[in-house]
C-alpha atoms as a PDB file:
ATOM      1  CA  MET A   1     -86.358 -33.470  40.770  1.00  0.00           C
ATOM      2  CA  PRO A   2     -83.552 -35.762  41.959  1.00  0.00           C
ATOM      3  CA  GLU A   3     -84.260 -39.287  43.160  1.00  0.00           C
ATOM      4  CA  PRO A   4     -84.446 -39.655  46.961  1.00  0.00           C
ATOM      5  CA  ASN A   5     -81.378 -41.147  48.573  1.00  0.00           C
ATOM      6  CA  GLU A   6     -81.132 -43.462  51.574  1.00  0.00           C
ATOM      7  CA  THR A   7     -81.141 -40.563  54.037  1.00  0.00           C
ATOM      8  CA  THR A   8     -84.606 -39.475  52.902  1.00  0.00           C
ATOM      9  CA  VAL A   9     -86.230 -42.915  53.175  1.00  0.00           C
ATOM     10  CA  LEU A  10     -88.889 -43.075  55.907  1.00  0.00           C
ATOM     11  CA  ARG A  11     -88.073 -46.191  57.918  1.00  0.00           C
ATOM     12  CA  THR A  12     -91.563 -46.385  59.410  1.00  0.00           C
ATOM     13  CA  LEU A  13     -93.210 -46.369  55.991  1.00  0.00           C
ATOM     14  CA  ASN A  14     -90.683 -48.891  54.713  1.00  0.00           C
ATOM     15  CA  ARG A  15     -91.400 -51.222  57.631  1.00  0.00           C
ATOM     16  CA  GLY A  16     -95.133 -50.850  57.128  1.00  0.00           C
ATOM     17  CA  LEU A  17     -94.772 -51.846  53.497  1.00  0.00           C
ATOM     18  CA  GLN A  18     -92.599 -54.814  54.504  1.00  0.00           C
ATOM     19  CA  ILE A  19     -95.336 -55.962  56.862  1.00  0.00           C
ATOM     20  CA  LEU A  20     -97.995 -55.567  54.177  1.00  0.00           C
ATOM     21  CA  GLU A  21     -95.900 -57.563  51.709  1.00  0.00           C
ATOM     22  CA  ALA A  22     -95.254 -60.317  54.269  1.00  0.00           C
ATOM     23  CA  ILE A  23     -98.973 -60.565  55.056  1.00  0.00           C
ATOM     24  CA  ALA A  24     -99.795 -60.826  51.355  1.00  0.00           C
ATOM     25  CA  ALA A  25     -97.247 -63.609  50.940  1.00  0.00           C
ATOM     26  CA  GLY A  26     -98.326 -65.399  54.122  1.00  0.00           C
ATOM     27  CA  GLU A  27    -101.747 -66.519  52.864  1.00  0.00           C
ATOM     28  CA  SER A  28    -103.609 -65.670  56.098  1.00  0.00           C
ATOM     29  CA  SER A  29    -100.958 -67.243  58.343  1.00  0.00           C
ATOM     30  CA  ALA A  30     -99.261 -64.072  59.635  1.00  0.00           C
ATOM     31  CA  THR A  31     -99.494 -63.012  63.282  1.00  0.00           C
ATOM     32  CA  ALA A  32     -97.862 -60.045  64.962  1.00  0.00           C
ATOM     33  CA  LYS A  33     -95.299 -62.327  66.608  1.00  0.00           C
ATOM     34  CA  THR A  34     -94.380 -64.169  63.416  1.00  0.00           C
ATOM     35  CA  LEU A  35     -94.108 -60.894  61.509  1.00  0.00           C
ATOM     36  CA  SER A  36     -91.892 -59.457  64.246  1.00  0.00           C
ATOM     37  CA  ARG A  37     -89.535 -62.434  64.079  1.00  0.00           C
ATOM     38  CA  GLN A  38     -89.586 -62.685  60.298  1.00  0.00           C
ATOM     39  CA  LEU A  39     -88.866 -59.013  59.652  1.00  0.00           C
ATOM     40  CA  GLY A  40     -86.712 -58.209  62.665  1.00  0.00           C
ATOM     41  CA  ILE A  41     -89.127 -55.536  63.901  1.00  0.00           C
ATOM     42  CA  LYS A  42     -89.737 -55.013  67.608  1.00  0.00           C
ATOM     43  CA  ILE A  43     -93.058 -56.478  68.674  1.00  0.00           C
ATOM     44  CA  GLY A  44     -94.358 -53.123  69.972  1.00  0.00           C
ATOM     45  CA  THR A  45     -93.502 -51.419  66.695  1.00  0.00           C
ATOM     46  CA  CYS A  46     -95.062 -54.292  64.786  1.00  0.00           C
ATOM     47  CA  TYR A  47     -98.351 -53.955  66.669  1.00  0.00           C
ATOM     48  CA  HIS A  48     -98.368 -50.193  66.080  1.00  0.00           C
ATOM     49  CA  LEU A  49     -97.815 -50.616  62.341  1.00  0.00           C
ATOM     50  CA  LEU A  50    -100.488 -53.313  62.146  1.00  0.00           C
ATOM     51  CA  ARG A  51    -102.996 -51.064  63.886  1.00  0.00           C
ATOM     52  CA  THR A  52    -102.196 -48.301  61.395  1.00  0.00           C
ATOM     53  CA  LEU A  53    -102.580 -50.613  58.410  1.00  0.00           C
ATOM     54  CA  LYS A  54    -105.809 -52.002  59.849  1.00  0.00           C
ATOM     55  CA  ALA A  55    -107.216 -48.493  60.377  1.00  0.00           C
ATOM     56  CA  GLY A  56    -106.544 -47.751  56.709  1.00  0.00           C
ATOM     57  CA  GLU A  57    -108.163 -51.072  55.682  1.00  0.00           C
ATOM     58  CA  TYR A  58    -104.928 -52.286  54.114  1.00  0.00           C
ATOM     59  CA  VAL A  59    -105.016 -55.329  56.413  1.00  0.00           C
ATOM     60  CA  VAL A  60    -107.727 -57.082  58.389  1.00  0.00           C
ATOM     61  CA  ARG A  61    -107.346 -58.877  61.713  1.00  0.00           C
ATOM     62  CA  LEU A  62    -108.986 -62.300  61.792  1.00  0.00           C
ATOM     63  CA  PRO A  63    -110.726 -63.633  64.946  1.00  0.00           C
ATOM     64  CA  ASP A  64    -107.781 -65.872  65.882  1.00  0.00           C
ATOM     65  CA  GLY A  65    -105.243 -63.022  65.738  1.00  0.00           C
ATOM     66  CA  ARG A  66    -103.918 -63.694  62.257  1.00  0.00           C
ATOM     67  CA  TYR A  67    -103.755 -60.930  59.623  1.00  0.00           C
ATOM     68  CA  ASP A  68    -104.760 -60.917  55.987  1.00  0.00           C
ATOM     69  CA  VAL A  69    -104.808 -58.417  53.132  1.00  0.00           C
ATOM     70  CA  GLY A  70    -107.569 -55.835  53.493  1.00  0.00           C
ATOM     71  CA  PRO A  71    -109.890 -54.309  50.876  1.00  0.00           C
ATOM     72  CA  LYS A  72    -107.696 -51.259  50.207  1.00  0.00           C
ATOM     73  CA  ALA A  73    -104.654 -53.423  49.433  1.00  0.00           C
ATOM     74  CA  ALA A  74    -106.790 -55.680  47.252  1.00  0.00           C
ATOM     75  CA  SER A  75    -108.016 -52.597  45.384  1.00  0.00           C
ATOM     76  CA  LEU A  76    -104.423 -51.485  44.772  1.00  0.00           C
ATOM     77  CA  SER A  77    -103.651 -54.935  43.411  1.00  0.00           C
ATOM     78  CA  ARG A  78    -106.597 -54.812  41.017  1.00  0.00           C
ATOM     79  CA  HIS A  79    -105.574 -51.378  39.727  1.00  0.00           C
ATOM     80  CA  LEU A  80    -101.995 -52.568  39.169  1.00  0.00           C
ATOM     81  CA  GLN A  81    -103.141 -55.709  37.378  1.00  0.00           C
ATOM     82  CA  ARG A  82    -105.432 -53.645  35.154  1.00  0.00           C
ATOM     83  CA  ARG A  83    -102.604 -51.283  34.181  1.00  0.00           C
ATOM     84  CA  SER A  84     -99.682 -53.683  33.984  1.00  0.00           C
ATOM     85  CA  GLY A  85    -101.256 -57.083  33.446  1.00  0.00           C
ATOM     86  CA  PRO A  86    -101.047 -58.945  30.156  1.00  0.00           C
ATOM     87  CA  ALA A  87    -103.644 -58.762  27.425  1.00  0.00           C
ATOM     88  CA  VAL A  88    -106.291 -61.493  27.506  1.00  0.00           C
ATOM     89  CA  GLU A  89    -105.069 -62.794  24.154  1.00  0.00           C
ATOM     90  CA  LEU A  90    -101.566 -63.276  25.567  1.00  0.00           C
ATOM     91  CA  VAL A  91    -102.938 -65.090  28.604  1.00  0.00           C
ATOM     92  CA  MET A  92    -104.678 -67.450  26.194  1.00  0.00           C
ATOM     93  CA  VAL A  93    -101.368 -68.110  24.443  1.00  0.00           C
ATOM     94  CA  LEU A  94     -99.727 -68.744  27.821  1.00  0.00           C
ATOM     95  CA  THR A  95    -102.564 -71.091  28.802  1.00  0.00           C
ATOM     96  CA  ARG A  96    -102.090 -73.073  25.609  1.00  0.00           C
ATOM     97  CA  LEU A  97     -98.361 -73.369  26.314  1.00  0.00           C
ATOM     98  CA  HIS A  98     -99.145 -74.488  29.860  1.00  0.00           C
ATOM     99  CA  HIS A  99    -101.602 -77.144  28.717  1.00  0.00           C
ATOM    100  CA  ARG A 100     -99.237 -78.491  26.066  1.00  0.00           C
ATOM    101  CA  SER A 101     -96.130 -78.559  28.233  1.00  0.00           C
ATOM    102  CA  GLN A 102     -97.805 -79.541  31.526  1.00  0.00           C
ATOM    103  CA  GLU A 103     -95.100 -77.464  33.198  1.00  0.00           C
ATOM    104  CA  THR A 104     -95.011 -74.153  35.053  1.00  0.00           C
ATOM    105  CA  SER A 105     -95.301 -71.440  32.405  1.00  0.00           C
ATOM    106  CA  TYR A 106     -94.473 -67.725  32.677  1.00  0.00           C
ATOM    107  CA  MET A 107     -94.973 -64.559  30.698  1.00  0.00           C
ATOM    108  CA  THR A 108     -92.691 -61.541  31.011  1.00  0.00           C
ATOM    109  CA  GLY A 109     -93.244 -58.050  29.611  1.00  0.00           C
ATOM    110  CA  TRP A 110     -92.491 -54.346  30.028  1.00  0.00           C
ATOM    111  CA  TYR A 111     -93.881 -51.964  32.636  1.00  0.00           C
ATOM    112  CA  HIS A 112     -92.430 -48.458  33.026  1.00  0.00           C
ATOM    113  CA  ASP A 113     -89.318 -49.433  31.050  1.00  0.00           C
ATOM    114  CA  ARG A 114     -88.624 -52.471  33.222  1.00  0.00           C
ATOM    115  CA  LEU A 115     -88.977 -56.144  32.430  1.00  0.00           C
ATOM    116  CA  PHE A 116     -91.140 -57.907  34.958  1.00  0.00           C
ATOM    117  CA  LEU A 117     -92.941 -61.202  35.436  1.00  0.00           C
ATOM    118  CA  GLN A 118     -96.554 -60.508  34.429  1.00  0.00           C
ATOM    119  CA  HIS A 119     -98.307 -63.831  34.845  1.00  0.00           C
ATOM    120  CA  PHE A 120     -97.631 -67.506  35.485  1.00  0.00           C
ATOM    121  CA  LEU A 121     -99.503 -70.795  35.595  1.00  0.00           C
ATOM    122  CA  PRO A 122     -98.123 -73.516  37.890  1.00  0.00           C
ATOM    123  CA  GLY A 123     -97.648 -76.994  36.495  1.00  0.00           C
ATOM    124  CA  PRO A 124     -99.007 -80.214  38.050  1.00  0.00           C
ATOM    125  CA  ASN A 125     -95.598 -80.850  39.602  1.00  0.00           C
ATOM    126  CA  THR A 126     -94.870 -77.266  40.567  1.00  0.00           C
ATOM    127  CA  VAL A 127     -91.246 -76.265  40.965  1.00  0.00           C
ATOM    128  CA  LEU A 128     -90.957 -73.809  43.840  1.00  0.00           C
ATOM    129  CA  ILE A 129     -88.513 -71.046  42.913  1.00  0.00           C
ATOM    130  CA  PRO A 130     -87.700 -68.573  45.706  1.00  0.00           C
ATOM    131  CA  ASN A 131     -87.961 -64.835  44.947  1.00  0.00           C
ATOM    132  CA  LEU A 132     -89.878 -65.433  41.713  1.00  0.00           C
ATOM    133  CA  ASP A 133     -93.449 -64.156  41.625  1.00  0.00           C
ATOM    134  CA  VAL A 134     -95.606 -61.753  39.636  1.00  0.00           C
ATOM    135  CA  GLY A 135     -93.872 -58.376  39.686  1.00  0.00           C
ATOM    136  CA  CYS A 136     -90.337 -59.787  39.868  1.00  0.00           C
ATOM    137  CA  THR A 137     -87.864 -57.540  38.019  1.00  0.00           C
ATOM    138  CA  GLY A 138     -84.449 -58.574  39.328  1.00  0.00           C
ATOM    139  CA  PHE A 139     -81.639 -60.931  38.370  1.00  0.00           C
ATOM    140  CA  MET A 140     -82.129 -60.450  34.635  1.00  0.00           C
ATOM    141  CA  HIS A 141     -78.737 -62.013  33.867  1.00  0.00           C
ATOM    142  CA  ALA A 142     -79.831 -65.331  35.407  1.00  0.00           C
ATOM    143  CA  ARG A 143     -83.383 -65.648  34.048  1.00  0.00           C
ATOM    144  CA  ALA A 144     -84.179 -67.126  30.646  1.00  0.00           C
ATOM    145  CA  SER A 145     -87.301 -64.955  30.387  1.00  0.00           C
ATOM    146  CA  CYS A 146     -85.216 -61.793  30.547  1.00  0.00           C
ATOM    147  CA  LYS A 147     -82.302 -63.013  28.451  1.00  0.00           C
ATOM    148  CA  ALA A 148     -84.735 -63.862  25.655  1.00  0.00           C
ATOM    149  CA  VAL A 149     -85.686 -60.173  25.480  1.00  0.00           C
ATOM    150  CA  LEU A 150     -82.280 -58.650  26.238  1.00  0.00           C
ATOM    151  CA  ALA A 151     -80.696 -60.543  23.351  1.00  0.00           C
ATOM    152  CA  PHE A 152     -82.707 -58.473  20.881  1.00  0.00           C
ATOM    153  CA  LEU A 153     -82.019 -55.052  22.402  1.00  0.00           C
ATOM    154  CA  PRO A 154     -79.186 -52.742  21.284  1.00  0.00           C
ATOM    155  CA  GLU A 155     -76.003 -53.591  23.186  1.00  0.00           C
ATOM    156  CA  GLU A 156     -75.741 -50.063  24.607  1.00  0.00           C
ATOM    157  CA  THR A 157     -79.242 -50.414  26.065  1.00  0.00           C
ATOM    158  CA  VAL A 158     -78.354 -53.712  27.712  1.00  0.00           C
ATOM    159  CA  THR A 159     -75.147 -52.208  29.082  1.00  0.00           C
ATOM    160  CA  ALA A 160     -77.068 -49.292  30.567  1.00  0.00           C
ATOM    161  CA  MET A 161     -79.637 -51.593  32.170  1.00  0.00           C
ATOM    162  CA  PHE A 162     -76.886 -53.445  34.042  1.00  0.00           C
ATOM    163  CA  ASP A 163     -74.899 -50.368  34.960  1.00  0.00           C
ATOM    164  CA  GLY A 164     -73.939 -49.461  38.515  1.00  0.00           C
ATOM    165  CA  ALA A 165     -74.497 -52.570  40.662  1.00  0.00           C
ATOM    166  CA  GLU A 166     -72.473 -55.527  41.878  1.00  0.00           C
ATOM    167  CA  PRO A 167     -72.809 -58.932  40.175  1.00  0.00           C
ATOM    168  CA  ALA A 168     -74.898 -61.608  41.875  1.00  0.00           C
ATOM    169  CA  ALA A 169     -73.858 -65.245  41.597  1.00  0.00           C
ATOM    170  CA  LEU A 170     -77.084 -67.013  42.548  1.00  0.00           C
ATOM    171  CA  THR A 171     -75.623 -70.449  41.823  1.00  0.00           C
ATOM    172  CA  CYS A 172     -72.263 -71.747  40.673  1.00  0.00           C
ATOM    173  CA  ARG A 173     -73.600 -71.598  37.089  1.00  0.00           C
ATOM    174  CA  THR A 174     -74.697 -67.945  37.089  1.00  0.00           C
ATOM    175  CA  LEU A 175     -72.912 -65.854  34.469  1.00  0.00           C
ATOM    176  CA  THR A 176     -71.321 -62.817  36.126  1.00  0.00           C
ATOM    177  CA  ASP A 177     -68.630 -62.084  33.532  1.00  0.00           C
ATOM    178  CA  TRP A 178     -69.811 -59.467  31.043  1.00  0.00           C
ATOM    179  CA  ASP A 179     -68.137 -60.960  27.970  1.00  0.00           C
ATOM    180  CA  SER A 180     -69.522 -64.423  28.737  1.00  0.00           C
ATOM    181  CA  PHE A 181     -72.958 -62.941  29.251  1.00  0.00           C
ATOM    182  CA  MET A 182     -72.854 -61.105  25.928  1.00  0.00           C
ATOM    183  CA  MET A 183     -71.741 -64.306  24.198  1.00  0.00           C
ATOM    184  CA  ASP A 184     -74.716 -66.053  25.749  1.00  0.00           C
ATOM    185  CA  LEU A 185     -77.052 -63.363  24.385  1.00  0.00           C
ATOM    186  CA  ALA A 186     -75.507 -63.833  20.942  1.00  0.00           C
ATOM    187  CA  LYS A 187     -76.410 -67.538  21.142  1.00  0.00           C
ATOM    188  CA  VAL A 188     -79.961 -66.574  22.056  1.00  0.00           C
ATOM    189  CA  ARG A 189     -80.233 -64.372  18.959  1.00  0.00           C
ATOM    190  CA  SER A 190     -78.835 -67.149  16.772  1.00  0.00           C
ATOM    191  CA  ARG A 191     -81.153 -69.947  17.908  1.00  0.00           C
ATOM    192  CA  GLY A 192     -84.227 -67.867  18.829  1.00  0.00           C
ATOM    193  CA  TYR A 193     -84.599 -68.900  22.455  1.00  0.00           C
ATOM    194  CA  ALA A 194     -82.835 -68.502  25.808  1.00  0.00           C
ATOM    195  CA  THR A 195     -82.026 -71.021  28.523  1.00  0.00           C
ATOM    196  CA  ASP A 196     -81.388 -70.876  32.240  1.00  0.00           C
ATOM    197  CA  LEU A 197     -79.421 -73.999  33.113  1.00  0.00           C
ATOM    198  CA  GLU A 198     -79.493 -73.839  36.916  1.00  0.00           C
ATOM    199  CA  GLU A 199     -78.357 -70.219  36.757  1.00  0.00           C
ATOM    200  CA  PHE A 200     -81.192 -68.842  38.905  1.00  0.00           C
ATOM    201  CA  THR A 201     -81.971 -71.864  41.097  1.00  0.00           C
ATOM    202  CA  GLU A 202     -80.172 -75.151  41.629  1.00  0.00           C
ATOM    203  CA  ASN A 203     -81.738 -78.168  39.883  1.00  0.00           C
ATOM    204  CA  VAL A 204     -84.167 -76.003  37.882  1.00  0.00           C
ATOM    205  CA  CYS A 205     -83.863 -75.234  34.166  1.00  0.00           C
ATOM    206  CA  CYS A 206     -85.895 -72.847  32.032  1.00  0.00           C
ATOM    207  CA  VAL A 207     -86.327 -72.141  28.346  1.00  0.00           C
ATOM    208  CA  ALA A 208     -87.835 -68.906  26.975  1.00  0.00           C
ATOM    209  CA  ALA A 209     -88.603 -67.315  23.619  1.00  0.00           C
ATOM    210  CA  PRO A 210     -89.303 -63.630  22.841  1.00  0.00           C
ATOM    211  CA  PHE A 211     -92.212 -62.106  20.982  1.00  0.00           C
ATOM    212  CA  PHE A 212     -92.030 -58.862  18.995  1.00  0.00           C
ATOM    213  CA  ASP A 213     -93.991 -55.776  17.994  1.00  0.00           C
ATOM    214  CA  ARG A 214     -94.710 -54.580  14.450  1.00  0.00           C
ATOM    215  CA  VAL A 215     -91.220 -53.150  13.941  1.00  0.00           C
ATOM    216  CA  GLY A 216     -89.395 -56.179  15.324  1.00  0.00           C
ATOM    217  CA  ALA A 217     -88.638 -54.896  18.828  1.00  0.00           C
ATOM    218  CA  PRO A 218     -88.920 -57.398  21.717  1.00  0.00           C
ATOM    219  CA  VAL A 219     -91.951 -56.775  23.930  1.00  0.00           C
ATOM    220  CA  GLY A 220     -91.974 -59.897  26.087  1.00  0.00           C
ATOM    221  CA  SER A 221     -91.289 -63.602  26.368  1.00  0.00           C
ATOM    222  CA  PHE A 222     -92.834 -66.934  27.243  1.00  0.00           C
ATOM    223  CA  THR A 223     -90.993 -69.326  29.552  1.00  0.00           C
ATOM    224  CA  VAL A 224     -91.318 -72.880  30.799  1.00  0.00           C
ATOM    225  CA  SER A 225     -89.621 -73.931  34.050  1.00  0.00           C
ATOM    226  CA  VAL A 226     -88.825 -77.582  34.819  1.00  0.00           C
ATOM    227  CA  PRO A 227     -86.645 -79.707  37.115  1.00  0.00           C
ATOM    228  CA  LYS A 228     -83.256 -80.491  35.622  1.00  0.00           C
ATOM    229  CA  PRO A 229     -83.972 -84.205  34.881  1.00  0.00           C
ATOM    230  CA  ARG A 230     -87.119 -83.376  32.881  1.00  0.00           C
ATOM    231  CA  PHE A 231     -85.273 -80.636  31.011  1.00  0.00           C
ATOM    232  CA  GLN A 232     -82.552 -83.104  30.035  1.00  0.00           C
ATOM    233  CA  GLN A 233     -85.248 -85.364  28.591  1.00  0.00           C
ATOM    234  CA  HIS A 234     -87.544 -82.812  26.968  1.00  0.00           C
ATOM    235  CA  GLY A 235     -85.538 -79.593  26.636  1.00  0.00           C
ATOM    236  CA  ALA A 236     -85.521 -79.545  22.822  1.00  0.00           C
ATOM    237  CA  TRP A 237     -89.274 -80.130  22.634  1.00  0.00           C
ATOM    238  CA  LEU A 238     -89.950 -77.430  25.255  1.00  0.00           C
ATOM    239  CA  ALA A 239     -87.825 -74.980  23.249  1.00  0.00           C
ATOM    240  CA  THR A 240     -90.023 -75.687  20.228  1.00  0.00           C
ATOM    241  CA  GLU A 241     -93.162 -75.114  22.305  1.00  0.00           C
ATOM    242  CA  VAL A 242     -92.093 -71.739  23.731  1.00  0.00           C
ATOM    243  CA  ARG A 243     -90.991 -70.574  20.286  1.00  0.00           C
ATOM    244  CA  GLU A 244     -94.369 -71.567  18.862  1.00  0.00           C
ATOM    245  CA  ALA A 245     -96.126 -69.629  21.648  1.00  0.00           C
ATOM    246  CA  ALA A 246     -93.942 -66.582  21.006  1.00  0.00           C
ATOM    247  CA  SER A 247     -94.655 -66.792  17.288  1.00  0.00           C
ATOM    248  CA  ARG A 248     -98.411 -66.803  17.994  1.00  0.00           C
ATOM    249  CA  ALA A 249     -98.086 -63.727  20.191  1.00  0.00           C
ATOM    250  CA  THR A 250     -96.011 -61.915  17.568  1.00  0.00           C
ATOM    251  CA  SER A 251     -98.643 -62.646  14.917  1.00  0.00           C
ATOM    252  CA  LEU A 252    -101.424 -61.308  17.150  1.00  0.00           C
ATOM    253  CA  ILE A 253     -99.510 -58.070  17.703  1.00  0.00           C
ATOM    254  CA  ARG A 254     -98.548 -57.593  14.072  1.00  0.00           C
ATOM    255  CA  ASN A 255    -102.125 -58.292  12.959  1.00  0.00           C
ATOM    256  CA  GLY A 256    -103.333 -55.491  15.215  1.00  0.00           C
ATOM    257  CA  GLN A 257    -105.197 -57.774  17.637  1.00  0.00           C
ATOM    258  CA  ILE A 258    -103.034 -56.630  20.560  1.00  0.00           C
ATOM    259  CA  ALA A 259    -101.610 -53.140  21.027  1.00  0.00           C
ATOM    260  CA  LEU A 260     -98.103 -53.667  22.389  1.00  0.00           C
ATOM    261  CA  THR A 261     -94.977 -51.671  21.597  1.00  0.00           C
ATOM    262  CA  TYR A 262     -91.399 -51.632  22.737  1.00  0.00           C
ATOM    263  CA  PRO A 263     -90.872 -48.999  25.472  1.00  0.00           C
ATOM    264  CA  ASP A 264     -88.990 -45.793  24.796  1.00  0.00           C
ATOM    265  CA  LEU A 265     -85.740 -46.713  26.542  1.00  0.00           C
ATOM    266  CA  GLU A 266     -83.064 -44.044  26.451  1.00  0.00           C
ATOM    267  CA  PRO A 267     -79.611 -45.625  26.834  1.00  0.00           C
ATOM    268  CA  ARG A 268     -77.367 -43.562  29.080  1.00  0.00           C
ATOM    269  CA  PRO A 269     -73.555 -43.578  29.063  1.00  0.00           C
ATOM    270  CA  ALA A 270     -72.408 -46.655  30.958  1.00  0.00           C
ATOM    271  CA  ARG A 271     -70.132 -46.361  33.955  1.00  0.00           C
ATOM    272  CA  ARG A 272     -69.161 -50.012  33.878  1.00  0.00           C
ATOM    273  CA  SER A 273     -65.493 -50.220  34.815  1.00  0.00           C
ATOM    274  CA  SER A 274     -65.064 -54.001  34.890  1.00  0.00           C
ATOM    275  CA  HIS A 275     -66.254 -56.998  32.910  1.00  0.00           C
ATOM    276  CA  LYS A 276     -68.922 -57.806  35.465  1.00  0.00           C
ATOM    277  CA  ILE A 277     -72.673 -57.630  35.263  1.00  0.00           C
ATOM    278  CA  ALA A 278     -75.251 -56.828  37.882  1.00  0.00           C
ATOM    279  CA  SER A 279     -78.611 -58.096  38.965  1.00  0.00           C
END
């Protein structure tokens, strides 16, 4: 069955999901008026959608008029975490990395043939990075966590994953030229870790290392995110720490303590007509 196109998208459902997402991100601060302004939805429509979500127990209305996530939405979240969340052993490796680095630490892995951010632990001096939360799948060309994995995939698979979209220059340092990007991935393979030097967010740098399954295919990565000045001071040490964490995870998988495998990605013929890459 073909994928639905834009003409088949139900705007009402889409708006309802936008409201639900905004409420989840708002940490009990969302009201109908703020949601209307934030999402550009007419206040009457916003109230109607909120009533519908409330009737289905996807949101709850608090006594002061604010909205929060309801039990049905929380149940969906638990089911998703159970199916797509990281193994406990990997969370322990991430926790160790977090404690040693004292910086915000991330873990990325596969879900339905897509790389996504599975878990993170904020550091004492948390760096706030917009558009980066559990479930994030985009902007792979600008994120160290993704580049660490992409570097060890077949080139035709990487090409197919970036096929068919416009490049996104998130900062002045973002690589949007295909040849430059592939050269960067070659450096990752050579040294065993990837960096994001203000490519995703200004004044923030990241370093990531991949971990592998029993046949040597990349199944995820560990990442540490720090402000630029701290990276300039401790970048080499942080690279050692993420590589050590990745090595631990690889050993756990290869010893049979964690059942993780590389997904069955089927590279398709690329339609890329220019030396650009996409988010």
